[in-house]
Amino acid sequence: MYGLIWRVLPGPWVSKLILALGLAVGAALLLWFFAFPAISPHMPFNDGAVDVEGVQTGDGAGSGG
């Protein structure tokens, strides 16, 4: 696949490198800003919460000091 992309890109190797990096960055940005937020509500790690009754947090209780 990468060889096909390299052969299809026009110009000498310097311009091919710049274009290939641009394509990789563009693909990463599309995933980061569109694909990942779209599937985020459906991922199982969003449901991870620990709720322990009778334990207070944030006030230093139970620090043993």
N, C-alpha and C. Protein backbone atom coordinates (compact mmCIF):
# COMPACT_ATOMS: atom_id res chain seq x y z
N MET A 1 0.82 -1.19 0.00
CA MET A 1 0.00 0.00 0.00
C MET A 1 0.87 1.25 0.00
N TYR A 2 1.88 1.29 0.86
CA TYR A 2 2.74 2.47 0.92
C TYR A 2 3.54 2.62 -0.36
N GLY A 3 3.95 1.51 -0.95
CA GLY A 3 4.66 1.57 -2.22
C GLY A 3 3.78 2.14 -3.33
N LEU A 4 2.51 1.76 -3.33
CA LEU A 4 1.58 2.29 -4.32
C LEU A 4 1.42 3.79 -4.15
N ILE A 5 1.25 4.25 -2.92
CA ILE A 5 1.13 5.69 -2.67
C ILE A 5 2.40 6.40 -3.12
N TRP A 6 3.56 5.83 -2.81
CA TRP A 6 4.83 6.45 -3.17
C TRP A 6 4.98 6.55 -4.69
N ARG A 7 4.55 5.51 -5.41
CA ARG A 7 4.66 5.54 -6.88
C ARG A 7 3.67 6.50 -7.51
N VAL A 8 2.50 6.68 -6.91
CA VAL A 8 1.46 7.53 -7.48
C VAL A 8 1.76 9.01 -7.26
N LEU A 9 2.42 9.35 -6.16
CA LEU A 9 2.71 10.76 -5.88
C LEU A 9 3.68 11.31 -6.92
N PRO A 10 3.42 12.55 -7.39
CA PRO A 10 4.27 13.12 -8.44
C PRO A 10 5.53 13.77 -7.87
N GLY A 11 6.53 13.93 -8.72
CA GLY A 11 7.71 14.69 -8.37
C GLY A 11 8.86 13.86 -7.85
N PRO A 12 9.96 14.55 -7.49
CA PRO A 12 11.12 13.87 -6.92
C PRO A 12 10.84 13.41 -5.49
N TRP A 13 11.79 12.73 -4.88
CA TRP A 13 11.55 12.12 -3.57
C TRP A 13 11.27 13.15 -2.49
N VAL A 14 11.81 14.36 -2.62
CA VAL A 14 11.56 15.39 -1.60
C VAL A 14 10.09 15.80 -1.61
N SER A 15 9.55 16.03 -2.79
CA SER A 15 8.14 16.41 -2.85
C SER A 15 7.24 15.23 -2.49
N LYS A 16 7.66 14.02 -2.84
CA LYS A 16 6.89 12.84 -2.44
C LYS A 16 6.85 12.71 -0.92
N LEU A 17 7.98 12.99 -0.28
CA LEU A 17 8.04 12.91 1.17
C LEU A 17 7.12 13.94 1.81
N ILE A 18 7.15 15.16 1.31
CA ILE A 18 6.29 16.22 1.85
C ILE A 18 4.82 15.88 1.64
N LEU A 19 4.48 15.41 0.44
CA LEU A 19 3.09 15.03 0.17
C LEU A 19 2.65 13.84 1.02
N ALA A 20 3.52 12.86 1.20
CA ALA A 20 3.17 11.69 2.02
C ALA A 20 2.96 12.10 3.48
N LEU A 21 3.82 12.98 3.99
CA LEU A 21 3.64 13.47 5.36
C LEU A 21 2.34 14.27 5.48
N GLY A 22 2.04 15.07 4.47
CA GLY A 22 0.78 15.82 4.47
C GLY A 22 -0.43 14.91 4.46
N LEU A 23 -0.36 13.84 3.68
CA LEU A 23 -1.46 12.88 3.66
C LEU A 23 -1.62 12.18 5.01
N ALA A 24 -0.51 11.83 5.64
CA ALA A 24 -0.57 11.17 6.94
C ALA A 24 -1.14 12.10 8.00
N VAL A 25 -0.70 13.36 7.99
CA VAL A 25 -1.21 14.33 8.96
C VAL A 25 -2.70 14.59 8.70
N GLY A 26 -3.08 14.70 7.44
CA GLY A 26 -4.49 14.90 7.11
C GLY A 26 -5.36 13.74 7.56
N ALA A 27 -4.88 12.52 7.38
CA ALA A 27 -5.64 11.36 7.83
C ALA A 27 -5.76 11.34 9.35
N ALA A 28 -4.67 11.69 10.04
CA ALA A 28 -4.71 11.72 11.50
C ALA A 28 -5.68 12.79 12.00
N LEU A 29 -5.69 13.96 11.35
CA LEU A 29 -6.61 15.02 11.76
C LEU A 29 -8.06 14.64 11.52
N LEU A 30 -8.33 13.99 10.40
CA LEU A 30 -9.69 13.52 10.15
C LEU A 30 -10.15 12.52 11.20
N LEU A 31 -9.27 11.61 11.57
CA LEU A 31 -9.62 10.65 12.61
C LEU A 31 -9.82 11.35 13.95
N TRP A 32 -8.91 12.26 14.29
CA TRP A 32 -8.92 12.91 15.61
C TRP A 32 -10.17 13.77 15.80
N PHE A 33 -10.55 14.54 14.77
CA PHE A 33 -11.63 15.50 14.94
C PHE A 33 -13.00 15.01 14.48
N PHE A 34 -13.07 13.95 13.70
CA PHE A 34 -14.36 13.49 13.19
C PHE A 34 -14.68 12.05 13.56
N ALA A 35 -13.77 11.13 13.26
CA ALA A 35 -14.07 9.71 13.48
C ALA A 35 -14.10 9.35 14.96
N PHE A 36 -13.05 9.73 15.70
CA PHE A 36 -12.99 9.35 17.11
C PHE A 36 -14.11 9.98 17.94
N PRO A 37 -14.45 11.27 17.77
CA PRO A 37 -15.60 11.80 18.51
C PRO A 37 -16.92 11.12 18.14
N ALA A 38 -17.05 10.67 16.90
CA ALA A 38 -18.29 10.03 16.48
C ALA A 38 -18.47 8.66 17.14
N ILE A 39 -17.38 7.92 17.33
CA ILE A 39 -17.50 6.58 17.93
C ILE A 39 -17.29 6.59 19.44
N SER A 40 -16.89 7.71 20.01
CA SER A 40 -16.59 7.79 21.44
C SER A 40 -17.75 7.36 22.33
N PRO A 41 -18.99 7.77 22.06
CA PRO A 41 -20.09 7.34 22.94
C PRO A 41 -20.33 5.83 22.93
N HIS A 42 -19.85 5.14 21.92
CA HIS A 42 -20.10 3.71 21.80
C HIS A 42 -18.97 2.85 22.35
N MET A 43 -17.90 3.47 22.83
CA MET A 43 -16.76 2.71 23.33
C MET A 43 -17.00 2.28 24.77
N PRO A 44 -16.55 1.08 25.15
CA PRO A 44 -16.86 0.56 26.49
C PRO A 44 -16.11 1.26 27.61
N PHE A 45 -14.97 1.89 27.35
CA PHE A 45 -14.22 2.49 28.45
C PHE A 45 -14.84 3.80 28.93
N ASN A 46 -15.91 4.28 28.30
CA ASN A 46 -16.61 5.46 28.80
C ASN A 46 -17.51 5.14 29.98
N ASP A 47 -17.76 3.87 30.24
CA ASP A 47 -18.65 3.46 31.31
C ASP A 47 -17.91 3.12 32.59
N GLY A 48 -16.63 3.36 32.66
CA GLY A 48 -15.85 2.97 33.83
C GLY A 48 -15.92 4.00 34.94
N ALA A 49 -16.67 3.69 35.97
CA ALA A 49 -16.77 4.58 37.13
C ALA A 49 -16.80 3.71 38.37
N VAL A 50 -16.07 4.15 39.37
CA VAL A 50 -16.06 3.45 40.64
C VAL A 50 -16.83 4.29 41.64
N ASP A 51 -17.86 3.73 42.20
CA ASP A 51 -18.68 4.43 43.18
C ASP A 51 -18.78 3.56 44.42
N VAL A 52 -18.14 4.00 45.48
CA VAL A 52 -18.16 3.25 46.73
C VAL A 52 -18.98 4.04 47.74
N GLU A 53 -20.03 3.41 48.27
CA GLU A 53 -20.89 4.10 49.23
C GLU A 53 -20.19 4.23 50.57
N GLY A 54 -20.38 5.37 51.22
CA GLY A 54 -19.82 5.59 52.54
C GLY A 54 -18.40 6.11 52.53
N VAL A 55 -17.82 6.33 51.38
CA VAL A 55 -16.45 6.84 51.30
C VAL A 55 -16.51 8.27 50.78
N GLN A 56 -15.87 9.17 51.54
CA GLN A 56 -15.82 10.56 51.11
C GLN A 56 -14.47 10.81 50.47
N THR A 57 -14.46 11.62 49.44
CA THR A 57 -13.21 11.92 48.75
C THR A 57 -12.98 13.41 48.74
N GLY A 58 -11.73 13.80 48.68
CA GLY A 58 -11.38 15.19 48.52
C GLY A 58 -11.20 15.97 49.81
N ASP A 59 -11.54 15.40 50.97
CA ASP A 59 -11.41 16.16 52.21
C ASP A 59 -10.26 15.64 53.08
N GLY A 60 -9.50 14.72 52.59
CA GLY A 60 -8.35 14.21 53.33
C GLY A 60 -8.70 13.17 54.38
N ALA A 61 -9.94 12.77 54.48
CA ALA A 61 -10.34 11.75 55.45
C ALA A 61 -9.70 10.43 55.10
N GLY A 62 -9.21 9.76 56.09
CA GLY A 62 -8.59 8.47 55.87
C GLY A 62 -7.15 8.56 55.43
N SER A 63 -6.54 9.71 55.62
CA SER A 63 -5.16 9.85 55.19
C SER A 63 -4.19 9.25 56.20
N GLY A 64 -4.67 8.93 57.40
CA GLY A 64 -3.84 8.26 58.39
C GLY A 64 -2.86 9.19 59.09
N GLY A 65 -3.02 10.47 58.95
CA GLY A 65 -2.04 11.38 59.47
C GLY A 65 -2.43 12.05 60.68
